[in-house]
Amino acid sequence: MKVLVIGSGAREHAVVRALALDPAVDAVVAAPGNPGIEAVALCEPLPGGVTDADAVVDLARRHDVGLVVVGPEAPLVAGVADAVRAAGFACFGPSAEAARLEGSKAFAKEVMSAADVPTAMAHVCTNEDEVAEALDALGAPHVVKDDGLAAGKGVVVTDDRAAALEHARACLAKPDGRVVVEEFLDGPEVSLFCVCDGQTVRPLAPAQDFKRVGDGDAGPNTGGMGAYSPLDWAPAGLADDVVARIAQPVVDEMAKRGTPFAGVLYVGLALTVRGPRVIEFNVRFGDPETQVVLDRLRTPLGQLLLAAAEGRLAEAEPLRWSDEHAVTVVVAARDYPATPHTGDPVTGLDTLPGEPDAYVLHAGTARDADGVLVSSGGRVLSVVGRGATLGLARARAYAAVDAVGLDGSHHRRDIAERAERGEVTVPA
């Protein structure tokens, strides 16, 4: 089987790497890919971008692929998966209608309400007066979310009412702007990817990511600065509980509406004193959690995704996992997440300490006119370390990070640190 992967980030690099390890996968094509992906797959350009459905279908035909995997959220919301399926190709990724679970937080709240899924109380607001009333009704800390796609940066959590209002104004100023004001959910956060085929749900291993730019969760939200898996502190049976109480009811509700959900349902959770509560849904693999979850997956990825795309997930064998721990640390460009500096040479990747238990996944990289590897985005690399213990995985990841050269880059030094110290607890 030949597989086409759409996207160009570290998430797609992790997916391509895992697909290449599947004995049933003969070749992987990535569009547009990146210099890291190019080492393990054929990269094809997408001049019209990842939302160009006609170009994606043309690539699938030209390479005669058996499966298309759509990585980012924008092409899913734009209907690329619909076009691929209409052209007769198996596609892993939800339809545009089903992708509204990420494309509109207000829609996701409506579905959760209909499916009786536990989540935060929320108010959908279309003007500043409604926002002000909602902030006062729910109290601080204030949680204000852009209703639409915002690449992981549309959420503000703050005790400062003025800052919450300012973020809401910016969101409302967009065409058809809406915001969701929510109650703050206390407790450790968990990311759980659920592979779905429209009826059946299979959970992957839970992970935890770190969204804020600075150590100690300081500074603004980003697309994600690191992650780790497994979560030794999480309650036993958490994944099965989330499937029973959250993912399966949502998949059933979507099927009942005539818009079945097939793809990855990413459930972002807070483990509160009242039990798991949904913070958000995404409709694709999350970045950077994918980097650690797929590192630990021992079930062949291509066969799993094809079973989901073809509605055969109920027949798939139980998933197999490595007992090892995995940690990923994001190396970000200077001035990320504001206005990241690009075009700086990236060095040190040829002789990383700890290989093969430490390795780099490319995110925002490119080749300049002279063929030199340079930064091309805000999050430049995801550096993965694995080991028999969380401490060993962290040590290997950070040793590799320290070997990377990128002028002005920054990264968090505390990814998985509290977990290693046994300081993460779930409210009783």
Protein backbone atom coordinates (compact mmCIF):
# COMPACT_ATOMS: atom_id res chain seq x y z
CA MET A 1 0.00 0.00 0.00
CA LYS A 2 1.15 3.53 -0.83
CA VAL A 3 0.03 6.32 1.52
CA LEU A 4 -0.29 10.06 0.86
CA VAL A 5 0.11 12.32 3.91
CA ILE A 6 -1.03 15.95 3.70
CA GLY A 7 0.86 18.48 5.83
CA SER A 8 4.31 19.80 6.62
CA GLY A 9 4.79 19.86 10.39
CA ALA A 10 6.37 17.70 13.07
CA ARG A 11 3.03 15.95 13.50
CA GLU A 12 3.15 14.85 9.86
CA HIS A 13 6.82 13.89 10.22
CA ALA A 14 5.82 11.63 13.15
CA VAL A 15 2.96 10.13 11.12
CA VAL A 16 5.20 9.52 8.08
CA ARG A 17 7.89 7.97 10.30
CA ALA A 18 5.35 5.59 11.87
CA LEU A 19 3.84 4.70 8.48
CA ALA A 20 7.29 3.91 7.09
CA LEU A 21 7.74 1.34 9.87
CA ASP A 22 4.52 -0.49 8.86
CA PRO A 23 5.42 -3.60 6.82
CA ALA A 24 2.17 -3.22 4.83
CA VAL A 25 3.21 0.26 3.63
CA ASP A 26 5.37 0.13 0.50
CA ALA A 27 5.93 3.87 0.15
CA VAL A 28 4.86 7.19 1.63
CA VAL A 29 4.26 10.41 -0.31
CA ALA A 30 4.00 13.68 1.63
CA ALA A 31 2.60 16.98 0.37
CA PRO A 32 4.17 19.39 0.81
CA GLY A 33 6.32 17.74 3.50
CA ASN A 34 9.54 19.25 4.81
CA PRO A 35 13.29 18.52 4.69
CA GLY A 36 13.04 16.00 7.53
CA ILE A 37 10.15 14.12 5.93
CA GLU A 38 12.08 14.13 2.64
CA ALA A 39 14.60 11.71 4.20
CA VAL A 40 11.94 8.98 4.56
CA ALA A 41 9.26 9.87 1.97
CA LEU A 42 8.79 11.41 -1.45
CA CYS A 43 7.75 15.05 -1.00
CA GLU A 44 5.48 16.69 -3.56
CA PRO A 45 4.69 20.42 -3.73
CA LEU A 46 1.22 21.85 -3.16
CA PRO A 47 1.45 25.34 -4.70
CA GLY A 48 -2.16 26.06 -3.76
CA GLY A 49 -1.62 25.01 -0.16
CA VAL A 50 -3.01 22.11 1.86
CA THR A 51 -6.61 23.26 1.34
CA ASP A 52 -6.35 22.76 -2.46
CA ALA A 53 -8.60 19.70 -2.71
CA ASP A 54 -8.19 19.30 -6.48
CA ALA A 55 -4.41 19.19 -6.15
CA VAL A 56 -4.61 16.61 -3.35
CA VAL A 57 -6.91 14.40 -5.45
CA ASP A 58 -4.57 14.79 -8.43
CA LEU A 59 -1.62 13.62 -6.30
CA ALA A 60 -3.61 10.63 -5.02
CA ARG A 61 -4.41 9.64 -8.63
CA ARG A 62 -0.90 10.24 -9.92
CA HIS A 63 0.68 8.06 -7.24
CA ASP A 64 -2.17 5.53 -7.16
CA VAL A 65 -2.29 5.59 -3.35
CA GLY A 66 -4.32 3.22 -1.20
CA LEU A 67 -4.85 5.72 1.62
CA VAL A 68 -4.80 9.49 2.12
CA VAL A 69 -4.10 10.87 5.61
CA VAL A 70 -4.99 14.55 6.12
CA GLY A 71 -2.87 16.00 8.91
CA PRO A 72 -3.83 19.63 9.68
CA GLU A 73 -7.23 20.99 10.64
CA ALA A 74 -7.57 23.65 7.91
CA PRO A 75 -7.92 21.21 4.98
CA LEU A 76 -10.34 19.06 6.99
CA VAL A 77 -12.59 22.03 7.75
CA ALA A 78 -12.28 23.06 4.08
CA GLY A 79 -13.57 19.67 2.91
CA VAL A 80 -10.43 18.10 1.46
CA ALA A 81 -11.35 14.69 2.93
CA ASP A 82 -14.78 14.91 1.23
CA ALA A 83 -13.15 15.52 -2.15
CA VAL A 84 -10.69 12.65 -1.66
CA ARG A 85 -13.46 10.21 -0.75
CA ALA A 86 -15.65 11.42 -3.62
CA ALA A 87 -12.76 10.59 -5.97
CA GLY A 88 -12.81 7.00 -4.72
CA PHE A 89 -9.85 6.98 -2.35
CA ALA A 90 -9.82 5.74 1.25
CA CYS A 91 -9.24 8.79 3.45
CA PHE A 92 -8.37 9.10 7.12
CA GLY A 93 -9.89 12.37 8.26
CA PRO A 94 -13.42 13.64 8.92
CA SER A 95 -15.76 15.36 6.49
CA ALA A 96 -16.14 19.13 6.57
CA GLU A 97 -19.44 18.75 8.45
CA ALA A 98 -17.90 16.45 11.08
CA ALA A 99 -14.82 18.70 11.30
CA ARG A 100 -17.06 21.45 12.70
CA LEU A 101 -16.31 19.85 16.08
CA GLU A 102 -13.03 21.76 15.84
CA GLY A 103 -14.03 24.44 13.37
CA SER A 104 -16.65 25.87 15.74
CA LYS A 105 -16.39 25.64 19.52
CA ALA A 106 -20.03 26.69 19.77
CA PHE A 107 -21.03 23.73 17.58
CA ALA A 108 -18.91 21.40 19.72
CA LYS A 109 -20.72 22.63 22.84
CA GLU A 110 -24.07 21.99 21.17
CA VAL A 111 -23.06 18.42 20.30
CA MET A 112 -21.73 17.81 23.80
CA SER A 113 -24.98 19.04 25.29
CA ALA A 114 -27.02 16.74 23.04
CA ALA A 115 -24.75 13.78 23.87
CA ASP A 116 -24.75 14.54 27.62
CA VAL A 117 -20.96 14.88 27.67
CA PRO A 118 -19.34 16.48 30.76
CA THR A 119 -17.75 19.81 29.90
CA ALA A 120 -17.35 23.35 31.22
CA MET A 121 -20.31 25.69 31.52
CA ALA A 122 -20.13 28.15 28.63
CA HIS A 123 -21.71 31.21 27.03
CA VAL A 124 -21.56 31.83 23.26
CA CYS A 125 -21.19 35.58 22.70
CA THR A 126 -21.52 37.72 19.59
CA ASN A 127 -20.90 41.18 21.08
CA GLU A 128 -18.88 42.84 23.81
CA ASP A 129 -21.83 43.33 26.18
CA GLU A 130 -22.57 39.60 26.14
CA VAL A 131 -18.90 38.86 26.83
CA ALA A 132 -18.86 41.23 29.80
CA GLU A 133 -21.98 39.61 31.26
CA ALA A 134 -20.52 36.12 30.78
CA LEU A 135 -17.21 37.07 32.42
CA ASP A 136 -19.04 38.41 35.45
CA ALA A 137 -21.37 35.41 35.63
CA LEU A 138 -18.59 32.81 35.54
CA GLY A 139 -15.92 34.75 37.44
CA ALA A 140 -12.12 34.46 37.33
CA PRO A 141 -9.99 32.85 36.09
CA HIS A 142 -11.54 33.95 32.81
CA VAL A 143 -11.46 31.57 29.81
CA VAL A 144 -12.18 33.21 26.45
CA LYS A 145 -11.99 31.17 23.22
CA ASP A 146 -12.17 32.23 19.60
CA ASP A 147 -15.04 30.22 18.11
CA GLY A 148 -13.10 29.36 14.94
CA LEU A 149 -9.72 27.89 14.05
CA ALA A 150 -6.78 29.69 15.62
CA ALA A 151 -3.84 27.24 15.38
CA GLY A 152 -3.87 26.61 19.12
CA LYS A 153 -3.55 30.29 19.99
CA GLY A 154 -7.22 31.33 20.17
CA VAL A 155 -7.62 30.79 23.91
CA VAL A 156 -6.83 33.22 26.72
CA VAL A 157 -6.92 32.15 30.37
CA THR A 158 -6.41 35.07 32.71
CA ASP A 159 -7.42 36.65 36.01
CA ASP A 160 -7.31 40.04 34.28
CA ARG A 161 -10.85 40.94 33.16
CA ALA A 162 -9.55 43.71 30.88
CA ALA A 163 -7.20 41.28 29.11
CA ALA A 164 -10.07 38.82 28.66
CA LEU A 165 -12.23 41.54 27.12
CA GLU A 166 -9.40 42.66 24.85
CA HIS A 167 -8.96 39.11 23.49
CA ALA A 168 -12.72 38.85 22.97
CA ARG A 169 -12.78 42.13 21.02
CA ALA A 170 -10.06 40.84 18.68
CA CYS A 171 -12.03 37.64 18.05
CA LEU A 172 -15.32 39.47 17.54
CA ALA A 173 -13.68 41.82 15.03
CA LYS A 174 -13.22 38.92 12.58
CA PRO A 175 -15.90 38.23 9.96
CA ASP A 176 -18.78 36.43 11.72
CA GLY A 177 -16.73 36.66 14.90
CA ARG A 178 -17.99 34.77 17.95
CA VAL A 179 -16.38 33.84 21.23
CA VAL A 180 -17.07 31.18 23.83
CA VAL A 181 -16.64 32.25 27.46
CA GLU A 182 -16.22 29.24 29.75
CA GLU A 183 -15.84 28.40 33.39
CA PHE A 184 -12.28 27.60 34.38
CA LEU A 185 -11.61 23.88 34.84
CA ASP A 186 -9.08 23.11 37.54
CA GLY A 187 -6.99 19.92 37.56
CA PRO A 188 -4.28 18.37 35.36
CA GLU A 189 -4.90 18.33 31.62
CA VAL A 190 -4.80 15.21 29.45
CA SER A 191 -4.83 14.73 25.69
CA LEU A 192 -6.47 11.58 24.36
CA PHE A 193 -6.59 10.71 20.66
CA CYS A 194 -9.47 8.44 19.68
CA VAL A 195 -9.36 6.72 16.29
CA CYS A 196 -12.92 6.51 14.91
CA ASP A 197 -14.57 5.00 11.84
CA GLY A 198 -18.01 6.58 12.23
CA GLN A 199 -19.21 3.95 14.70
CA THR A 200 -16.33 2.29 16.55
CA VAL A 201 -13.87 4.19 18.78
CA ARG A 202 -10.36 3.03 19.70
CA PRO A 203 -8.40 5.19 22.17
CA LEU A 204 -4.65 5.70 21.85
CA ALA A 205 -2.40 6.23 24.87
CA PRO A 206 -3.02 9.41 26.90
CA ALA A 207 -0.42 12.19 26.82
CA GLN A 208 0.05 15.60 28.39
CA ASP A 209 1.20 18.69 26.52
CA PHE A 210 2.49 22.10 27.56
CA LYS A 211 0.77 24.99 25.82
CA ARG A 212 2.36 28.11 27.31
CA VAL A 213 5.65 29.39 25.99
CA GLY A 214 7.62 29.61 29.25
CA ASP A 215 8.73 27.41 32.12
CA GLY A 216 6.18 27.10 34.89
CA ASP A 217 3.39 27.74 32.36
CA ALA A 218 4.35 31.39 32.02
CA GLY A 219 3.58 33.58 29.03
CA PRO A 220 1.13 33.31 26.15
CA ASN A 221 -0.38 30.18 24.65
CA THR A 222 1.42 28.54 21.75
CA GLY A 223 0.74 25.62 19.44
CA GLY A 224 2.46 23.47 22.08
CA MET A 225 5.99 23.42 23.53
CA GLY A 226 6.36 19.76 24.50
CA ALA A 227 4.61 16.59 25.63
CA TYR A 228 5.12 13.21 27.26
CA SER A 229 3.51 9.78 27.51
CA PRO A 230 2.54 7.58 29.35
CA LEU A 231 0.92 9.35 32.31
CA ASP A 232 1.80 7.22 35.32
CA TRP A 233 -0.24 9.51 37.58
CA ALA A 234 -3.49 9.20 35.60
CA PRO A 235 -6.34 7.08 36.99
CA ALA A 236 -6.40 3.45 35.87
CA GLY A 237 -8.83 2.92 33.02
CA LEU A 238 -8.92 6.63 32.10
CA ALA A 239 -8.91 6.02 28.34
CA ASP A 240 -11.77 3.52 28.49
CA ASP A 241 -13.73 5.86 30.77
CA VAL A 242 -13.28 8.76 28.34
CA VAL A 243 -14.44 6.60 25.44
CA ALA A 244 -17.55 5.48 27.34
CA ARG A 245 -18.52 8.91 28.70
CA ILE A 246 -17.28 11.25 25.98
CA ALA A 247 -15.92 9.93 22.67
CA GLN A 248 -18.48 7.21 21.95
CA PRO A 249 -21.50 9.40 22.81
CA VAL A 250 -20.14 12.15 20.53
CA VAL A 251 -19.50 9.70 17.67
CA ASP A 252 -23.00 8.28 18.16
CA GLU A 253 -24.51 11.79 18.15
CA MET A 254 -22.66 12.73 14.96
CA ALA A 255 -23.89 9.53 13.26
CA LYS A 256 -27.44 10.29 14.39
CA ARG A 257 -27.16 13.73 12.72
CA GLY A 258 -26.14 12.11 9.43
CA THR A 259 -22.57 13.44 9.66
CA PRO A 260 -20.56 10.40 10.87
CA PHE A 261 -17.16 11.15 12.36
CA ALA A 262 -14.29 9.12 10.86
CA GLY A 263 -10.76 10.14 11.76
CA VAL A 264 -9.06 11.24 14.98
CA LEU A 265 -11.21 12.78 17.67
CA TYR A 266 -8.77 14.57 19.92
CA VAL A 267 -10.29 14.96 23.39
CA GLY A 268 -8.65 17.67 25.48
CA LEU A 269 -9.55 17.01 29.11
CA ALA A 270 -9.23 18.48 32.56
CA LEU A 271 -9.30 15.91 35.37
CA THR A 272 -11.35 17.90 37.88
CA VAL A 273 -12.69 17.07 41.31
CA ARG A 274 -15.97 16.25 39.50
CA GLY A 275 -14.24 13.86 37.11
CA PRO A 276 -13.02 14.31 33.51
CA ARG A 277 -14.39 17.39 31.75
CA VAL A 278 -13.89 18.25 28.08
CA ILE A 279 -11.88 21.41 27.43
CA GLU A 280 -11.95 21.11 23.65
CA PHE A 281 -12.22 18.78 20.71
CA ASN A 282 -9.88 18.70 17.75
CA VAL A 283 -10.47 16.60 14.66
CA ARG A 284 -6.89 15.54 13.91
CA PHE A 285 -3.75 14.35 15.63
CA GLY A 286 -2.48 17.02 18.03
CA ASP A 287 0.98 18.51 17.86
CA PRO A 288 3.21 17.86 19.86
CA GLU A 289 1.39 14.94 21.55
CA THR A 290 1.43 12.87 18.35
CA GLN A 291 5.21 12.82 18.49
CA VAL A 292 5.26 10.89 21.80
CA VAL A 293 2.11 8.80 21.31
CA LEU A 294 3.22 7.39 17.95
CA ASP A 295 6.73 6.79 19.29
CA ARG A 296 5.19 4.30 21.75
CA LEU A 297 2.65 2.69 19.38
CA ARG A 298 3.68 -0.81 18.28
CA THR A 299 0.56 -1.61 16.24
CA PRO A 300 1.28 -0.88 12.53
CA LEU A 301 -0.13 2.61 11.95
CA GLY A 302 -1.03 2.27 8.26
CA GLN A 303 -3.19 -0.77 8.85
CA LEU A 304 -4.95 0.91 11.78
CA LEU A 305 -5.74 4.09 9.82
CA LEU A 306 -6.89 2.13 6.77
CA ALA A 307 -9.26 0.06 8.95
CA ALA A 308 -10.74 3.31 10.29
CA ALA A 309 -11.02 4.83 6.80
CA GLU A 310 -12.82 1.72 5.53
CA GLY A 311 -15.17 1.31 8.50
CA ARG A 312 -13.46 -1.86 9.76
CA LEU A 313 -12.18 -0.65 13.11
CA ALA A 314 -14.30 -3.14 15.07
CA GLU A 315 -12.32 -5.94 13.42
CA ALA A 316 -8.91 -4.48 14.28
CA GLU A 317 -6.76 -6.24 16.87
CA PRO A 318 -6.19 -4.62 20.29
CA LEU A 319 -3.54 -1.91 20.13
CA ARG A 320 -0.04 -2.76 21.33
CA TRP A 321 2.20 -0.27 23.16
CA SER A 322 5.81 0.01 24.24
CA ASP A 323 6.38 0.19 28.00
CA GLU A 324 8.97 2.90 27.42
CA HIS A 325 8.42 6.58 28.15
CA ALA A 326 8.65 9.27 25.48
CA VAL A 327 9.24 13.01 25.86
CA THR A 328 9.27 15.64 23.13
CA VAL A 329 10.66 19.16 23.49
CA VAL A 330 9.88 21.85 20.92
CA VAL A 331 12.71 24.09 19.74
CA ALA A 332 11.11 27.40 18.78
CA ALA A 333 12.41 30.29 16.70
CA ARG A 334 13.41 33.63 18.13
CA ASP A 335 10.34 35.77 19.05
CA TYR A 336 7.88 32.84 18.81
CA PRO A 337 4.88 32.96 19.35
CA ALA A 338 4.69 36.67 18.42
CA THR A 339 6.56 37.21 15.12
CA PRO A 340 9.01 34.35 14.76
CA HIS A 341 12.32 35.02 13.03
CA THR A 342 12.94 32.74 10.05
CA GLY A 343 15.82 31.98 7.70
CA ASP A 344 18.37 31.12 10.40
CA PRO A 345 20.62 28.06 9.84
CA VAL A 346 19.77 24.93 11.82
CA THR A 347 22.81 22.85 12.78
CA GLY A 348 23.79 19.87 14.92
CA LEU A 349 21.25 17.38 13.57
CA ASP A 350 23.77 15.02 11.94
CA THR A 351 25.33 13.77 15.18
CA LEU A 352 22.66 13.87 17.87
CA PRO A 353 23.66 12.33 21.20
CA GLY A 354 21.56 9.33 22.25
CA GLU A 355 20.47 8.15 18.80
CA PRO A 356 18.34 6.09 18.08
CA ASP A 357 16.68 6.78 21.46
CA ALA A 358 16.75 10.49 20.69
CA TYR A 359 15.79 11.92 17.32
CA VAL A 360 14.48 15.06 15.63
CA LEU A 361 11.17 15.62 13.85
CA HIS A 362 11.09 18.65 11.57
CA ALA A 363 8.34 21.26 11.84
CA GLY A 364 9.29 24.73 10.55
CA THR A 365 12.35 23.96 8.40
CA ALA A 366 13.28 24.54 4.76
CA ARG A 367 16.29 24.54 2.43
CA ASP A 368 17.61 27.91 1.27
CA ALA A 369 18.96 28.62 -2.22
CA ASP A 370 22.29 27.03 -1.25
CA GLY A 371 20.70 23.91 0.19
CA VAL A 372 21.34 24.95 3.80
CA LEU A 373 18.76 23.83 6.37
CA VAL A 374 17.09 26.94 7.82
CA SER A 375 14.15 27.82 10.06
CA SER A 376 10.89 28.59 8.26
CA GLY A 377 8.31 28.76 11.05
CA GLY A 378 7.70 29.41 14.73
CA ARG A 379 8.06 25.86 16.01
CA VAL A 380 11.14 24.62 14.20
CA LEU A 381 11.85 21.14 15.60
CA SER A 382 10.38 18.53 17.92
CA VAL A 383 13.14 16.62 19.69
CA VAL A 384 12.02 13.21 20.98
CA GLY A 385 13.72 11.16 23.68
CA ARG A 386 12.67 7.71 24.88
CA GLY A 387 13.74 5.58 27.80
CA ALA A 388 12.77 2.95 30.33
CA THR A 389 11.92 5.72 32.79
CA LEU A 390 10.50 9.20 32.37
CA GLY A 391 13.72 10.64 33.78
CA LEU A 392 15.83 8.82 31.19
CA ALA A 393 13.52 9.91 28.36
CA ARG A 394 13.76 13.54 29.55
CA ALA A 395 17.54 13.36 29.86
CA ARG A 396 17.90 12.01 26.33
CA ALA A 397 15.51 14.60 24.87
CA TYR A 398 17.28 17.51 26.53
CA ALA A 399 20.77 16.24 25.66
CA ALA A 400 19.68 16.20 22.02
CA VAL A 401 18.07 19.65 22.31
CA ASP A 402 21.31 21.05 23.68
CA ALA A 403 23.14 19.75 20.59
CA VAL A 404 20.88 21.70 18.21
CA GLY A 405 22.18 25.01 16.89
CA LEU A 406 19.66 27.74 16.00
CA ASP A 407 20.44 31.37 16.69
CA GLY A 408 18.00 32.98 19.13
CA SER A 409 15.97 29.80 19.62
CA HIS A 410 14.22 28.96 22.87
CA HIS A 411 12.56 25.98 24.51
CA ARG A 412 11.05 24.99 27.82
CA ARG A 413 13.34 23.24 30.30
CA ASP A 414 10.50 21.82 32.42
CA ILE A 415 8.67 19.45 30.05
CA ALA A 416 7.49 16.47 32.18
CA GLU A 417 9.56 17.71 35.13
CA ARG A 418 6.72 17.73 37.66
CA ALA A 419 5.61 14.29 36.52
CA GLU A 420 9.14 12.96 36.97
CA ARG A 421 9.13 14.35 40.52
CA GLY A 422 5.73 12.78 41.25
CA GLU A 423 4.10 16.21 41.75
CA VAL A 424 1.13 15.79 39.37
CA THR A 425 -1.99 14.77 41.25
CA VAL A 426 -5.63 14.28 40.31
CA PRO A 427 -8.18 15.93 42.63
CA ALA A 428 -9.95 13.37 44.81
